[in-house]
N, C-alpha and C. Protein backbone atom coordinates (compact mmCIF):
# COMPACT_ATOMS: atom_id res chain seq x y z
N MET A 1 104.86 103.31 129.28
CA MET A 1 104.67 103.11 127.85
C MET A 1 103.17 102.91 127.60
N ASN A 2 102.63 103.65 126.63
CA ASN A 2 101.20 103.51 126.37
C ASN A 2 100.94 102.32 125.45
N ASP A 3 99.67 101.92 125.37
CA ASP A 3 99.30 100.71 124.61
C ASP A 3 99.66 100.80 123.15
N LEU A 4 99.43 101.95 122.51
CA LEU A 4 99.71 102.06 121.08
C LEU A 4 101.20 101.98 120.80
N SER A 5 102.03 102.55 121.67
CA SER A 5 103.47 102.53 121.43
C SER A 5 104.03 101.12 121.46
N LYS A 6 103.34 100.18 122.16
CA LYS A 6 103.80 98.80 122.20
C LYS A 6 103.62 98.11 120.86
N MET A 7 102.80 98.68 119.99
CA MET A 7 102.53 98.08 118.68
C MET A 7 103.55 98.52 117.63
N PHE A 8 104.42 99.49 117.96
CA PHE A 8 105.41 99.99 117.02
C PHE A 8 106.77 99.44 117.41
N ILE A 9 107.40 98.72 116.49
CA ILE A 9 108.67 98.08 116.77
C ILE A 9 109.75 98.71 115.91
N GLY A 10 110.81 99.18 116.53
CA GLY A 10 111.94 99.72 115.80
C GLY A 10 111.89 101.22 115.60
N PHE A 11 110.85 101.87 116.11
CA PHE A 11 110.77 103.31 116.00
C PHE A 11 111.49 103.95 117.18
N ASP A 12 111.93 105.17 116.99
CA ASP A 12 112.59 105.90 118.06
C ASP A 12 111.65 106.04 119.24
N ARG A 13 112.17 105.93 120.46
CA ARG A 13 111.37 105.96 121.68
C ARG A 13 110.56 107.25 121.81
N MET A 14 111.13 108.38 121.42
CA MET A 14 110.40 109.65 121.50
C MET A 14 109.20 109.62 120.57
N PHE A 15 109.35 109.01 119.40
CA PHE A 15 108.24 108.88 118.45
C PHE A 15 107.12 108.07 119.08
N ASP A 16 107.47 107.00 119.77
CA ASP A 16 106.46 106.15 120.42
C ASP A 16 105.65 106.93 121.45
N GLN A 17 106.29 107.81 122.18
CA GLN A 17 105.63 108.52 123.28
C GLN A 17 104.63 109.56 122.79
N MET A 18 104.65 109.91 121.50
CA MET A 18 103.72 110.90 120.97
C MET A 18 102.32 110.35 120.84
N PHE A 19 102.17 109.02 120.86
CA PHE A 19 100.87 108.41 120.63
C PHE A 19 100.10 108.27 121.93
N THR A 20 98.79 108.28 121.81
CA THR A 20 97.92 108.05 122.96
C THR A 20 97.35 106.64 122.89
N THR A 21 96.78 106.19 123.97
CA THR A 21 96.23 104.84 124.03
C THR A 21 95.03 104.73 123.10
N VAL A 22 95.08 103.76 122.17
CA VAL A 22 93.99 103.51 121.26
C VAL A 22 93.60 102.04 121.30
N ASN A 23 94.58 101.14 121.24
CA ASN A 23 94.33 99.71 121.15
C ASN A 23 94.32 99.11 122.55
N LYS A 24 93.17 98.56 122.96
CA LYS A 24 93.04 98.04 124.32
C LYS A 24 93.08 96.53 124.39
N THR A 25 93.26 95.83 123.26
CA THR A 25 93.28 94.37 123.30
C THR A 25 94.55 93.88 123.98
N THR A 26 94.37 92.92 124.88
CA THR A 26 95.52 92.39 125.60
C THR A 26 95.74 90.91 125.33
N TYR A 27 94.89 90.33 124.46
CA TYR A 27 95.02 88.90 124.15
C TYR A 27 95.56 88.74 122.74
N PRO A 28 96.56 87.94 122.59
CA PRO A 28 97.34 87.27 123.62
C PRO A 28 98.41 88.20 124.18
N PRO A 29 98.87 87.94 125.40
CA PRO A 29 99.91 88.81 125.96
C PRO A 29 101.22 88.64 125.20
N TYR A 30 102.01 89.71 125.17
CA TYR A 30 103.29 89.66 124.45
C TYR A 30 104.29 90.63 125.07
N ASN A 31 105.55 90.42 124.77
CA ASN A 31 106.65 91.31 125.17
C ASN A 31 107.41 91.71 123.91
N VAL A 32 107.98 92.90 123.94
CA VAL A 32 108.90 93.34 122.90
C VAL A 32 110.20 93.71 123.60
N GLU A 33 111.26 92.97 123.29
CA GLU A 33 112.57 93.20 123.91
C GLU A 33 113.50 93.91 122.92
N ILE A 34 114.31 94.80 123.45
CA ILE A 34 115.41 95.37 122.67
C ILE A 34 116.60 94.46 122.91
N ARG A 35 117.16 93.90 121.87
CA ARG A 35 118.23 92.90 121.98
C ARG A 35 119.58 93.44 121.53
N GLY A 36 119.74 94.72 121.44
CA GLY A 36 120.97 95.34 120.99
C GLY A 36 120.63 96.39 119.94
N ASP A 37 121.66 96.95 119.33
CA ASP A 37 121.43 97.97 118.32
C ASP A 37 120.61 97.41 117.17
N ASN A 38 119.43 97.97 116.97
CA ASN A 38 118.55 97.64 115.85
C ASN A 38 118.05 96.20 115.85
N LYS A 39 118.09 95.50 117.00
CA LYS A 39 117.60 94.13 117.08
C LYS A 39 116.52 94.06 118.16
N TYR A 40 115.45 93.31 117.83
CA TYR A 40 114.31 93.20 118.72
C TYR A 40 113.82 91.75 118.75
N LYS A 41 113.13 91.39 119.82
CA LYS A 41 112.49 90.09 119.92
C LYS A 41 111.06 90.31 120.40
N LEU A 42 110.12 89.80 119.62
CA LEU A 42 108.72 89.81 119.99
C LEU A 42 108.39 88.42 120.50
N SER A 43 107.94 88.33 121.76
CA SER A 43 107.53 87.05 122.36
C SER A 43 106.05 87.13 122.67
N MET A 44 105.29 86.14 122.20
CA MET A 44 103.85 86.14 122.38
C MET A 44 103.41 84.81 123.01
N ALA A 45 102.64 84.89 124.08
CA ALA A 45 102.14 83.70 124.77
C ALA A 45 100.99 83.10 123.97
N VAL A 46 101.25 81.92 123.39
CA VAL A 46 100.25 81.27 122.55
C VAL A 46 100.04 79.82 122.98
N ALA A 47 99.97 79.60 124.29
CA ALA A 47 99.77 78.25 124.82
C ALA A 47 98.50 77.66 124.22
N GLY A 48 98.59 76.40 123.82
CA GLY A 48 97.45 75.71 123.24
C GLY A 48 97.39 75.78 121.73
N PHE A 49 98.24 76.62 121.12
CA PHE A 49 98.28 76.73 119.67
C PHE A 49 99.52 76.01 119.14
N SER A 50 99.38 75.34 118.02
CA SER A 50 100.53 74.72 117.36
C SER A 50 100.98 75.63 116.23
N SER A 51 102.12 75.33 115.64
CA SER A 51 102.61 76.14 114.53
C SER A 51 101.64 76.07 113.35
N ASP A 52 100.88 74.98 113.23
CA ASP A 52 99.89 74.88 112.15
C ASP A 52 98.70 75.81 112.37
N ASP A 53 98.45 76.20 113.62
CA ASP A 53 97.34 77.10 113.94
C ASP A 53 97.70 78.57 113.73
N LEU A 54 98.98 78.87 113.59
CA LEU A 54 99.47 80.25 113.55
C LEU A 54 99.93 80.64 112.14
N THR A 55 99.70 81.89 111.79
CA THR A 55 100.18 82.45 110.54
C THR A 55 100.86 83.78 110.84
N ILE A 56 102.09 83.93 110.34
CA ILE A 56 102.83 85.18 110.49
C ILE A 56 103.02 85.74 109.08
N SER A 57 102.65 87.01 108.90
CA SER A 57 102.81 87.62 107.58
C SER A 57 103.21 89.08 107.72
N THR A 58 103.80 89.60 106.67
CA THR A 58 104.13 91.03 106.61
C THR A 58 103.61 91.59 105.29
N GLN A 59 103.14 92.81 105.37
CA GLN A 59 102.74 93.54 104.18
C GLN A 59 103.04 95.00 104.46
N LYS A 60 103.81 95.59 103.55
CA LYS A 60 104.30 96.95 103.75
C LYS A 60 105.03 96.99 105.09
N ASN A 61 104.62 97.84 106.00
CA ASN A 61 105.29 97.94 107.31
C ASN A 61 104.43 97.37 108.43
N THR A 62 103.66 96.33 108.12
CA THR A 62 102.80 95.72 109.13
C THR A 62 103.13 94.24 109.30
N LEU A 63 103.37 93.85 110.53
CA LEU A 63 103.56 92.45 110.90
C LEU A 63 102.24 91.97 111.48
N SER A 64 101.69 90.89 110.92
CA SER A 64 100.42 90.33 111.39
C SER A 64 100.65 88.92 111.90
N ILE A 65 100.07 88.64 113.06
CA ILE A 65 100.10 87.30 113.63
C ILE A 65 98.65 86.89 113.83
N CYS A 66 98.26 85.79 113.18
CA CYS A 66 96.89 85.30 113.25
C CYS A 66 96.86 83.89 113.79
N ALA A 67 95.83 83.57 114.54
CA ALA A 67 95.63 82.22 115.05
C ALA A 67 94.22 81.78 114.69
N ASN A 68 94.14 80.57 114.19
CA ASN A 68 92.85 79.99 113.84
C ASN A 68 92.85 78.55 114.33
N LYS A 69 92.14 78.33 115.40
CA LYS A 69 92.08 76.99 116.01
C LYS A 69 90.63 76.57 116.08
N GLN A 70 90.39 75.38 115.60
CA GLN A 70 89.03 74.85 115.65
C GLN A 70 88.74 74.36 117.08
N GLU A 71 87.62 74.77 117.58
CA GLU A 71 87.20 74.37 118.93
C GLU A 71 86.85 72.89 118.93
N LYS A 72 87.26 72.16 119.97
CA LYS A 72 86.91 70.74 120.10
C LYS A 72 85.42 70.62 120.35
N LYS A 73 84.76 69.87 119.50
CA LYS A 73 83.33 69.71 119.66
C LYS A 73 82.98 68.33 120.21
N ASP A 74 83.99 67.47 120.37
CA ASP A 74 83.72 66.11 120.81
C ASP A 74 83.96 65.91 122.30
N CYS A 75 84.03 67.01 123.06
CA CYS A 75 84.22 66.86 124.50
C CYS A 75 83.45 67.95 125.24
N ASP A 76 83.13 67.64 126.50
CA ASP A 76 82.47 68.60 127.39
C ASP A 76 83.46 68.98 128.48
N TYR A 77 83.40 70.24 128.90
CA TYR A 77 84.30 70.73 129.94
C TYR A 77 83.51 70.93 131.23
N THR A 78 84.14 70.62 132.35
CA THR A 78 83.57 71.05 133.62
C THR A 78 84.10 72.44 133.94
N TRP A 79 85.27 72.74 133.40
CA TRP A 79 85.87 74.07 133.53
C TRP A 79 86.78 74.30 132.34
N LYS A 80 86.69 75.45 131.69
CA LYS A 80 87.56 75.76 130.56
C LYS A 80 88.24 77.09 130.85
N GLY A 81 89.48 77.02 131.31
CA GLY A 81 90.22 78.22 131.67
C GLY A 81 91.34 78.57 130.71
N ILE A 82 91.65 77.67 129.78
CA ILE A 82 92.71 77.94 128.81
C ILE A 82 92.07 78.54 127.57
N ALA A 83 92.44 79.77 127.27
CA ALA A 83 91.87 80.45 126.11
C ALA A 83 92.53 79.96 124.83
N THR A 84 91.73 79.55 123.90
CA THR A 84 92.24 79.16 122.59
C THR A 84 91.41 79.86 121.51
N ARG A 85 90.97 81.07 121.82
CA ARG A 85 90.16 81.80 120.85
C ARG A 85 91.04 82.32 119.71
N ASN A 86 90.43 82.44 118.56
CA ASN A 86 91.15 82.95 117.41
C ASN A 86 91.50 84.42 117.64
N PHE A 87 92.60 84.86 117.04
CA PHE A 87 93.00 86.25 117.19
C PHE A 87 93.78 86.71 115.97
N ARG A 88 93.89 88.01 115.86
CA ARG A 88 94.77 88.66 114.88
C ARG A 88 95.40 89.84 115.60
N LYS A 89 96.72 89.89 115.58
CA LYS A 89 97.45 90.97 116.24
C LYS A 89 98.35 91.61 115.19
N ASP A 90 98.22 92.91 114.99
CA ASP A 90 99.02 93.64 114.01
C ASP A 90 100.00 94.56 114.71
N PHE A 91 101.21 94.62 114.18
CA PHE A 91 102.25 95.51 114.69
C PHE A 91 102.75 96.37 113.54
N CYS A 92 102.91 97.65 113.79
CA CYS A 92 103.47 98.56 112.80
C CYS A 92 104.99 98.51 112.93
N LEU A 93 105.67 98.18 111.84
CA LEU A 93 107.12 98.07 111.85
C LEU A 93 107.75 99.33 111.26
N ALA A 94 108.91 99.68 111.78
CA ALA A 94 109.67 100.78 111.22
C ALA A 94 110.14 100.40 109.82
N PRO A 95 110.39 101.38 108.97
CA PRO A 95 110.95 101.06 107.65
C PRO A 95 112.24 100.27 107.79
N ASN A 96 112.49 99.38 106.86
CA ASN A 96 113.70 98.55 106.80
C ASN A 96 113.79 97.52 107.93
N MET A 97 112.66 97.19 108.55
CA MET A 97 112.65 96.17 109.59
C MET A 97 112.43 94.81 108.93
N ASN A 98 113.29 93.86 109.24
CA ASN A 98 113.22 92.52 108.65
C ASN A 98 112.95 91.48 109.72
N ILE A 99 112.17 90.46 109.35
CA ILE A 99 111.95 89.30 110.21
C ILE A 99 113.14 88.37 109.99
N VAL A 100 113.88 88.08 111.05
CA VAL A 100 115.08 87.24 110.95
C VAL A 100 114.73 85.78 111.21
N ASN A 101 113.84 85.54 112.18
CA ASN A 101 113.57 84.17 112.62
C ASN A 101 112.23 84.15 113.35
N ALA A 102 111.53 83.03 113.26
CA ALA A 102 110.30 82.83 114.04
C ALA A 102 110.29 81.38 114.51
N LYS A 103 110.00 81.20 115.80
CA LYS A 103 109.93 79.83 116.34
C LYS A 103 108.88 79.77 117.43
N LEU A 104 108.36 78.56 117.61
CA LEU A 104 107.38 78.29 118.66
C LEU A 104 108.00 77.29 119.61
N LYS A 105 108.15 77.71 120.88
CA LYS A 105 108.79 76.84 121.87
C LYS A 105 108.13 77.07 123.22
N ASP A 106 107.73 75.98 123.85
CA ASP A 106 107.16 76.04 125.20
C ASP A 106 106.00 77.02 125.32
N GLY A 107 105.14 77.08 124.30
CA GLY A 107 103.98 77.96 124.35
C GLY A 107 104.25 79.41 124.04
N LEU A 108 105.50 79.73 123.67
CA LEU A 108 105.85 81.10 123.30
C LEU A 108 106.22 81.17 121.83
N LEU A 109 105.59 82.08 121.11
CA LEU A 109 105.98 82.37 119.75
C LEU A 109 107.03 83.48 119.83
N GLU A 110 108.21 83.21 119.31
CA GLU A 110 109.30 84.19 119.36
C GLU A 110 109.67 84.60 117.95
N ILE A 111 109.66 85.91 117.71
CA ILE A 111 109.99 86.46 116.40
C ILE A 111 111.15 87.42 116.58
N ASP A 112 112.26 87.14 115.91
CA ASP A 112 113.43 88.02 115.94
C ASP A 112 113.33 88.99 114.77
N LEU A 113 113.54 90.26 115.08
CA LEU A 113 113.48 91.30 114.06
C LEU A 113 114.77 92.11 114.08
N GLU A 114 115.13 92.66 112.94
CA GLU A 114 116.32 93.49 112.86
C GLU A 114 116.06 94.63 111.89
N LYS A 115 116.42 95.82 112.32
CA LYS A 115 116.30 97.00 111.45
C LYS A 115 117.62 97.13 110.70
N VAL A 116 117.53 96.99 109.38
CA VAL A 116 118.72 97.09 108.52
C VAL A 116 118.76 98.50 107.96
N ILE A 117 119.79 99.23 108.33
CA ILE A 117 119.92 100.61 107.88
C ILE A 117 120.69 100.64 106.57
N PRO A 118 120.08 101.15 105.49
CA PRO A 118 120.77 101.22 104.20
C PRO A 118 122.00 102.12 104.28
N GLU A 119 122.99 101.82 103.47
CA GLU A 119 124.25 102.58 103.46
C GLU A 119 124.01 104.08 103.35
N GLU A 120 123.06 104.47 102.48
CA GLU A 120 122.84 105.91 102.26
C GLU A 120 122.23 106.59 103.47
N GLU A 121 121.71 105.84 104.44
CA GLU A 121 121.14 106.43 105.64
C GLU A 121 122.07 106.36 106.85
N LYS A 122 123.20 105.65 106.71
CA LYS A 122 124.15 105.54 107.81
C LYS A 122 124.93 106.84 107.97
N GLU A 123 125.38 107.07 109.20
CA GLU A 123 126.18 108.25 109.48
C GLU A 123 127.50 108.17 108.72
N LYS A 124 127.87 109.29 108.14
CA LYS A 124 129.15 109.36 107.42
C LYS A 124 130.05 110.36 108.13
N ILE A 125 131.27 109.96 108.37
CA ILE A 125 132.24 110.84 109.00
C ILE A 125 133.02 111.54 107.88
N ILE A 126 133.06 112.85 107.95
CA ILE A 126 133.75 113.66 106.94
C ILE A 126 135.13 114.01 107.48
N THR A 127 136.15 113.69 106.69
CA THR A 127 137.52 114.00 107.08
C THR A 127 137.78 115.48 106.83
N ILE A 128 138.36 116.14 107.83
CA ILE A 128 138.70 117.56 107.70
C ILE A 128 140.14 117.64 107.25
N LYS A 129 140.35 118.31 106.13
CA LYS A 129 141.70 118.47 105.60
C LYS A 129 142.45 119.57 106.34
N LYS A 130 143.73 119.32 106.55
CA LYS A 130 144.57 120.33 107.19
C LYS A 130 145.26 121.13 106.11
N GLU A 131 145.32 122.43 106.29
CA GLU A 131 145.99 123.27 105.30
C GLU A 131 147.23 123.91 105.88
């Protein structure tokens, strides 16, 4: 799977494969799980951030996750290995994709998504009449 295809959630797999690598940012790391028909879970490692530091928003077909954490200025480090830098991560969502739930637990931000297919787009079975 290429880097750009990881940013598209709910699109057909063949559609994802048409894209080439464009986005090289890997911070923060994240997973996108398929949780059944039209259901997905986005898990993002955000250790060191609280729910007050994070903002989740959607506009049109874009899911944005932003972190804004003020750096501690009242302490000195002998070693600083935990990244708490600010970030913004955008994901392109398929049409009709809804955010069902978002929670922060054990340093993981988990966002449940579901693609709701409108009635007019669902498959219709046509009954064949016998003569």
